[in-house]
Amino acid sequence: MSKCPKCEMTISRFRMERIKAQESGSALLWNCLAYNCPHCGTVVSMQIDPILVRDEIVAEVKASLSRQ
């Protein structure tokens, strides 16, 4: 099993949280997921939310196709 780098408790499941991330000096915001330790809340990992990215791509493709 994995251990939290802060509290060193065993992690069998993460607590996911949707957050926004912004590159320094940019106005662009990204929809992200933070994977938190369920014991102490430390962010163990982050990534761009793949489900929201997929939904945005599908919406853009549908909009593009309907304009043709």
PDB file of N, CA and C in Angstrom:
ATOM      1  N   MET A   1       0.822  -1.191   0.000  1.00  0.00           N
ATOM      2  CA  MET A   1       0.000   0.000   0.000  1.00  0.00           C
ATOM      3  C   MET A   1       0.869   1.259   0.000  1.00  0.00           C
ATOM      4  N   SER A   2       0.298   2.337  -0.499  1.00  0.00           N
ATOM      5  CA  SER A   2       0.990   3.625  -0.525  1.00  0.00           C
ATOM      6  C   SER A   2       0.842   4.331   0.812  1.00  0.00           C
ATOM      7  N   LYS A   3       1.823   5.175   1.107  1.00  0.00           N
ATOM      8  CA  LYS A   3       1.779   5.968   2.340  1.00  0.00           C
ATOM      9  C   LYS A   3       1.789   7.445   1.991  1.00  0.00           C
ATOM     10  N   CYS A   4       1.067   8.232   2.782  1.00  0.00           N
ATOM     11  CA  CYS A   4       1.056   9.683   2.629  1.00  0.00           C
ATOM     12  C   CYS A   4       2.446  10.212   2.967  1.00  0.00           C
ATOM     13  N   PRO A   5       2.984  11.124   2.135  1.00  0.00           N
ATOM     14  CA  PRO A   5       4.315  11.660   2.413  1.00  0.00           C
ATOM     15  C   PRO A   5       4.356  12.576   3.645  1.00  0.00           C
ATOM     16  N   LYS A   6       3.199  13.062   4.083  1.00  0.00           N
ATOM     17  CA  LYS A   6       3.185  13.956   5.241  1.00  0.00           C
ATOM     18  C   LYS A   6       2.887  13.206   6.545  1.00  0.00           C
ATOM     19  N   CYS A   7       1.725  12.524   6.598  1.00  0.00           N
ATOM     20  CA  CYS A   7       1.326  11.873   7.859  1.00  0.00           C
ATOM     21  C   CYS A   7       1.776  10.415   7.935  1.00  0.00           C
ATOM     22  N   GLU A   8       2.227   9.858   6.800  1.00  0.00           N
ATOM     23  CA  GLU A   8       2.724   8.487   6.691  1.00  0.00           C
ATOM     24  C   GLU A   8       1.670   7.412   6.984  1.00  0.00           C
ATOM     25  N   MET A   9       0.401   7.810   6.954  1.00  0.00           N
ATOM     26  CA  MET A   9      -0.674   6.824   7.094  1.00  0.00           C
ATOM     27  C   MET A   9      -0.836   6.087   5.760  1.00  0.00           C
ATOM     28  N   THR A  10      -1.283   4.854   5.822  1.00  0.00           N
ATOM     29  CA  THR A  10      -1.524   4.065   4.615  1.00  0.00           C
ATOM     30  C   THR A  10      -2.731   4.630   3.873  1.00  0.00           C
ATOM     31  N   ILE A  11      -2.582   4.775   2.561  1.00  0.00           N
ATOM     32  CA  ILE A  11      -3.659   5.295   1.715  1.00  0.00           C
ATOM     33  C   ILE A  11      -4.170   4.167   0.834  1.00  0.00           C
ATOM     34  N   SER A  12      -5.414   3.788   1.033  1.00  0.00           N
ATOM     35  CA  SER A  12      -6.026   2.794   0.155  1.00  0.00           C
ATOM     36  C   SER A  12      -6.995   3.460  -0.823  1.00  0.00           C
ATOM     37  N   ARG A  13      -7.428   4.681  -0.497  1.00  0.00           N
ATOM     38  CA  ARG A  13      -8.301   5.477  -1.363  1.00  0.00           C
ATOM     39  C   ARG A  13      -7.933   6.950  -1.183  1.00  0.00           C
ATOM     40  N   PHE A  14      -8.011   7.677  -2.282  1.00  0.00           N
ATOM     41  CA  PHE A  14      -7.779   9.118  -2.219  1.00  0.00           C
ATOM     42  C   PHE A  14      -9.109   9.842  -2.111  1.00  0.00           C
ATOM     43  N   ARG A  15      -9.054  11.057  -1.618  1.00  0.00           N
ATOM     44  CA  ARG A  15     -10.209  11.947  -1.653  1.00  0.00           C
ATOM     45  C   ARG A  15      -9.960  12.907  -2.814  1.00  0.00           C
ATOM     46  N   MET A  16     -10.862  12.919  -3.799  1.00  0.00           N
ATOM     47  CA  MET A  16     -10.689  13.785  -4.966  1.00  0.00           C
ATOM     48  C   MET A  16     -11.417  15.102  -4.746  1.00  0.00           C
ATOM     49  N   GLU A  17     -10.800  16.160  -5.274  1.00  0.00           N
ATOM     50  CA  GLU A  17     -11.377  17.494  -5.155  1.00  0.00           C
ATOM     51  C   GLU A  17     -11.179  18.211  -6.484  1.00  0.00           C
ATOM     52  N   ARG A  18     -12.233  18.826  -7.004  1.00  0.00           N
ATOM     53  CA  ARG A  18     -12.106  19.614  -8.235  1.00  0.00           C
ATOM     54  C   ARG A  18     -11.598  20.998  -7.864  1.00  0.00           C
ATOM     55  N   ILE A  19     -10.558  21.429  -8.564  1.00  0.00           N
ATOM     56  CA  ILE A  19      -9.996  22.761  -8.318  1.00  0.00           C
ATOM     57  C   ILE A  19      -9.591  23.376  -9.652  1.00  0.00           C
ATOM     58  N   LYS A  20      -9.295  24.653  -9.631  1.00  0.00           N
ATOM     59  CA  LYS A  20      -8.786  25.360 -10.813  1.00  0.00           C
ATOM     60  C   LYS A  20      -7.293  25.567 -10.628  1.00  0.00           C
ATOM     61  N   ALA A  21      -6.549  25.450 -11.714  1.00  0.00           N
ATOM     62  CA  ALA A  21      -5.116  25.708 -11.695  1.00  0.00           C
ATOM     63  C   ALA A  21      -4.817  26.784 -12.733  1.00  0.00           C
ATOM     64  N   GLN A  22      -3.824  27.611 -12.429  1.00  0.00           N
ATOM     65  CA  GLN A  22      -3.465  28.702 -13.323  1.00  0.00           C
ATOM     66  C   GLN A  22      -1.948  28.781 -13.439  1.00  0.00           C
ATOM     67  N   GLU A  23      -1.476  28.845 -14.668  1.00  0.00           N
ATOM     68  CA  GLU A  23      -0.054  29.011 -14.895  1.00  0.00           C
ATOM     69  C   GLU A  23       0.346  30.432 -14.500  1.00  0.00           C
ATOM     70  N   SER A  24       1.483  30.572 -13.888  1.00  0.00           N
ATOM     71  CA  SER A  24       1.970  31.874 -13.450  1.00  0.00           C
ATOM     72  C   SER A  24       2.036  32.845 -14.634  1.00  0.00           C
ATOM     73  N   GLY A  25       1.415  34.000 -14.482  1.00  0.00           N
ATOM     74  CA  GLY A  25       1.431  35.009 -15.525  1.00  0.00           C
ATOM     75  C   GLY A  25       0.393  34.821 -16.609  1.00  0.00           C
ATOM     76  N   SER A  26      -0.477  33.829 -16.469  1.00  0.00           N
ATOM     77  CA  SER A  26      -1.489  33.542 -17.479  1.00  0.00           C
ATOM     78  C   SER A  26      -2.880  33.749 -16.885  1.00  0.00           C
ATOM     79  N   ALA A  27      -3.821  34.135 -17.739  1.00  0.00           N
ATOM     80  CA  ALA A  27      -5.208  34.280 -17.303  1.00  0.00           C
ATOM     81  C   ALA A  27      -5.981  32.971 -17.498  1.00  0.00           C
ATOM     82  N   LEU A  28      -5.382  32.011 -18.186  1.00  0.00           N
ATOM     83  CA  LEU A  28      -6.043  30.747 -18.488  1.00  0.00           C
ATOM     84  C   LEU A  28      -6.167  29.882 -17.241  1.00  0.00           C
ATOM     85  N   LEU A  29      -7.393  29.396 -16.974  1.00  0.00           N
ATOM     86  CA  LEU A  29      -7.636  28.489 -15.851  1.00  0.00           C
ATOM     87  C   LEU A  29      -7.915  27.088 -16.375  1.00  0.00           C
ATOM     88  N   TRP A  30      -7.370  26.092 -15.702  1.00  0.00           N
ATOM     89  CA  TRP A  30      -7.569  24.697 -16.068  1.00  0.00           C
ATOM     90  C   TRP A  30      -8.417  24.023 -15.000  1.00  0.00           C
ATOM     91  N   ASN A  31      -9.372  23.189 -15.434  1.00  0.00           N
ATOM     92  CA  ASN A  31     -10.134  22.361 -14.510  1.00  0.00           C
ATOM     93  C   ASN A  31      -9.264  21.170 -14.132  1.00  0.00           C
ATOM     94  N   CYS A  32      -9.011  21.009 -12.855  1.00  0.00           N
ATOM     95  CA  CYS A  32      -8.110  19.958 -12.391  1.00  0.00           C
ATOM     96  C   CYS A  32      -8.745  19.122 -11.290  1.00  0.00           C
ATOM     97  N   LEU A  33      -8.105  17.995 -11.027  1.00  0.00           N
ATOM     98  CA  LEU A  33      -8.454  17.138  -9.900  1.00  0.00           C
ATOM     99  C   LEU A  33      -7.255  17.076  -8.973  1.00  0.00           C
ATOM    100  N   ALA A  34      -7.520  17.240  -7.688  1.00  0.00           N
ATOM    101  CA  ALA A  34      -6.479  17.047  -6.678  1.00  0.00           C
ATOM    102  C   ALA A  34      -6.781  15.746  -5.965  1.00  0.00           C
ATOM    103  N   TYR A  35      -5.774  14.943  -5.772  1.00  0.00           N
ATOM    104  CA  TYR A  35      -5.910  13.680  -5.052  1.00  0.00           C
ATOM    105  C   TYR A  35      -5.320  13.895  -3.659  1.00  0.00           C
ATOM    106  N   ASN A  36      -6.184  13.893  -2.652  1.00  0.00           N
ATOM    107  CA  ASN A  36      -5.793  14.236  -1.284  1.00  0.00           C
ATOM    108  C   ASN A  36      -5.747  13.013  -0.380  1.00  0.00           C
ATOM    109  N   CYS A  37      -4.844  13.064   0.597  1.00  0.00           N
ATOM    110  CA  CYS A  37      -4.795  12.038   1.635  1.00  0.00           C
ATOM    111  C   CYS A  37      -6.103  12.110   2.425  1.00  0.00           C
ATOM    112  N   PRO A  38      -6.791  10.994   2.615  1.00  0.00           N
ATOM    113  CA  PRO A  38      -8.054  11.020   3.352  1.00  0.00           C
ATOM    114  C   PRO A  38      -7.867  11.264   4.850  1.00  0.00           C
ATOM    115  N   HIS A  39      -6.639  11.149   5.325  1.00  0.00           N
ATOM    116  CA  HIS A  39      -6.377  11.299   6.756  1.00  0.00           C
ATOM    117  C   HIS A  39      -6.018  12.737   7.130  1.00  0.00           C
ATOM    118  N   CYS A  40      -5.106  13.357   6.377  1.00  0.00           N
ATOM    119  CA  CYS A  40      -4.639  14.704   6.741  1.00  0.00           C
ATOM    120  C   CYS A  40      -4.978  15.768   5.701  1.00  0.00           C
ATOM    121  N   GLY A  41      -5.468  15.354   4.527  1.00  0.00           N
ATOM    122  CA  GLY A  41      -5.864  16.304   3.494  1.00  0.00           C
ATOM    123  C   GLY A  41      -4.741  16.806   2.604  1.00  0.00           C
ATOM    124  N   THR A  42      -3.527  16.324   2.797  1.00  0.00           N
ATOM    125  CA  THR A  42      -2.399  16.747   1.969  1.00  0.00           C
ATOM    126  C   THR A  42      -2.649  16.381   0.510  1.00  0.00           C
ATOM    127  N   VAL A  43      -2.362  17.326  -0.393  1.00  0.00           N
ATOM    128  CA  VAL A  43      -2.465  17.038  -1.825  1.00  0.00           C
ATOM    129  C   VAL A  43      -1.300  16.139  -2.202  1.00  0.00           C
ATOM    130  N   VAL A  44      -1.619  14.949  -2.661  1.00  0.00           N
ATOM    131  CA  VAL A  44      -0.592  13.974  -3.036  1.00  0.00           C
ATOM    132  C   VAL A  44      -0.286  14.069  -4.530  1.00  0.00           C
ATOM    133  N   SER A  45      -1.305  14.424  -5.323  1.00  0.00           N
ATOM    134  CA  SER A  45      -1.122  14.521  -6.766  1.00  0.00           C
ATOM    135  C   SER A  45      -2.213  15.411  -7.349  1.00  0.00           C
ATOM    136  N   MET A  46      -1.952  15.921  -8.569  1.00  0.00           N
ATOM    137  CA  MET A  46      -2.940  16.700  -9.311  1.00  0.00           C
ATOM    138  C   MET A  46      -2.846  16.343 -10.778  1.00  0.00           C
ATOM    139  N   GLN A  47      -3.966  16.544 -11.492  1.00  0.00           N
ATOM    140  CA  GLN A  47      -3.959  16.380 -12.942  1.00  0.00           C
ATOM    141  C   GLN A  47      -5.115  17.163 -13.528  1.00  0.00           C
ATOM    142  N   ILE A  48      -5.011  17.463 -14.826  1.00  0.00           N
ATOM    143  CA  ILE A  48      -6.128  18.085 -15.529  1.00  0.00           C
ATOM    144  C   ILE A  48      -7.271  17.077 -15.519  1.00  0.00           C
ATOM    145  N   ASP A  49      -8.496  17.546 -15.287  1.00  0.00           N
ATOM    146  CA  ASP A  49      -9.669  16.672 -15.205  1.00  0.00           C
ATOM    147  C   ASP A  49      -9.969  16.089 -16.588  1.00  0.00           C
ATOM    148  N   PRO A  50      -9.708  14.794 -16.804  1.00  0.00           N
ATOM    149  CA  PRO A  50      -9.879  14.212 -18.143  1.00  0.00           C
ATOM    150  C   PRO A  50     -11.338  14.150 -18.591  1.00  0.00           C
ATOM    151  N   ILE A  51     -12.272  14.022 -17.675  1.00  0.00           N
ATOM    152  CA  ILE A  51     -13.695  13.959 -18.032  1.00  0.00           C
ATOM    153  C   ILE A  51     -14.161  15.321 -18.560  1.00  0.00           C
ATOM    154  N   LEU A  52     -13.789  16.389 -17.869  1.00  0.00           N
ATOM    155  CA  LEU A  52     -14.178  17.722 -18.338  1.00  0.00           C
ATOM    156  C   LEU A  52     -13.512  18.064 -19.660  1.00  0.00           C
ATOM    157  N   VAL A  53     -12.260  17.666 -19.841  1.00  0.00           N
ATOM    158  CA  VAL A  53     -11.581  17.905 -21.114  1.00  0.00           C
ATOM    159  C   VAL A  53     -12.307  17.176 -22.237  1.00  0.00           C
ATOM    160  N   ARG A  54     -12.668  15.930 -21.997  1.00  0.00           N
ATOM    161  CA  ARG A  54     -13.410  15.163 -23.006  1.00  0.00           C
ATOM    162  C   ARG A  54     -14.721  15.847 -23.354  1.00  0.00           C
ATOM    163  N   ASP A  55     -15.472  16.270 -22.325  1.00  0.00           N
ATOM    164  CA  ASP A  55     -16.763  16.912 -22.554  1.00  0.00           C
ATOM    165  C   ASP A  55     -16.611  18.212 -23.344  1.00  0.00           C
ATOM    166  N   GLU A  56     -15.564  18.982 -23.052  1.00  0.00           N
ATOM    167  CA  GLU A  56     -15.320  20.226 -23.785  1.00  0.00           C
ATOM    168  C   GLU A  56     -14.975  19.948 -25.243  1.00  0.00           C
ATOM    169  N   ILE A  57     -14.178  18.920 -25.504  1.00  0.00           N
ATOM    170  CA  ILE A  57     -13.812  18.561 -26.877  1.00  0.00           C
ATOM    171  C   ILE A  57     -15.042  18.116 -27.652  1.00  0.00           C
ATOM    172  N   VAL A  58     -15.875  17.271 -27.053  1.00  0.00           N
ATOM    173  CA  VAL A  58     -17.089  16.792 -27.724  1.00  0.00           C
ATOM    174  C   VAL A  58     -18.011  17.961 -28.045  1.00  0.00           C
ATOM    175  N   ALA A  59     -18.177  18.884 -27.115  1.00  0.00           N
ATOM    176  CA  ALA A  59     -19.039  20.044 -27.344  1.00  0.00           C
ATOM    177  C   ALA A  59     -18.507  20.900 -28.494  1.00  0.00           C
ATOM    178  N   GLU A  60     -17.184  21.094 -28.550  1.00  0.00           N
ATOM    179  CA  GLU A  60     -16.597  21.894 -29.628  1.00  0.00           C
ATOM    180  C   GLU A  60     -16.751  21.205 -30.982  1.00  0.00           C
ATOM    181  N   VAL A  61     -16.579  19.888 -31.029  1.00  0.00           N
ATOM    182  CA  VAL A  61     -16.732  19.147 -32.283  1.00  0.00           C
ATOM    183  C   VAL A  61     -18.184  19.217 -32.751  1.00  0.00           C
ATOM    184  N   LYS A  62     -19.135  19.018 -31.829  1.00  0.00           N
ATOM    185  CA  LYS A  62     -20.558  19.096 -32.198  1.00  0.00           C
ATOM    186  C   LYS A  62     -20.908  20.480 -32.726  1.00  0.00           C
ATOM    187  N   ALA A  63     -20.415  21.522 -32.067  1.00  0.00           N
ATOM    188  CA  ALA A  63     -20.692  22.885 -32.503  1.00  0.00           C
ATOM    189  C   ALA A  63     -20.108  23.134 -33.889  1.00  0.00           C
ATOM    190  N   SER A  64     -18.897  22.642 -34.108  1.00  0.00           N
ATOM    191  CA  SER A  64     -18.231  22.813 -35.392  1.00  0.00           C
ATOM    192  C   SER A  64     -19.001  22.091 -36.511  1.00  0.00           C
ATOM    193  N   LEU A  65     -19.455  20.884 -36.238  1.00  0.00           N
ATOM    194  CA  LEU A  65     -20.179  20.115 -37.229  1.00  0.00           C
ATOM    195  C   LEU A  65     -21.552  20.721 -37.541  1.00  0.00           C
ATOM    196  N   SER A  66     -22.181  21.316 -36.548  1.00  0.00           N
ATOM    197  CA  SER A  66     -23.506  21.901 -36.780  1.00  0.00           C
ATOM    198  C   SER A  66     -23.431  23.183 -37.599  1.00  0.00           C
ATOM    199  N   ARG A  67     -22.253  23.822 -37.613  1.00  0.00           N
ATOM    200  CA  ARG A  67     -22.080  25.051 -38.427  1.00  0.00           C
ATOM    201  C   ARG A  67     -21.810  24.727 -39.896  1.00  0.00           C
ATOM    202  N   GLN A  68     -21.494  23.483 -40.209  1.00  0.00           N
ATOM    203  CA  GLN A  68     -21.148  23.135 -41.594  1.00  0.00           C
ATOM    204  C   GLN A  68     -22.362  22.863 -42.415  1.00  0.00           C
TER     205      GLN A  68
END
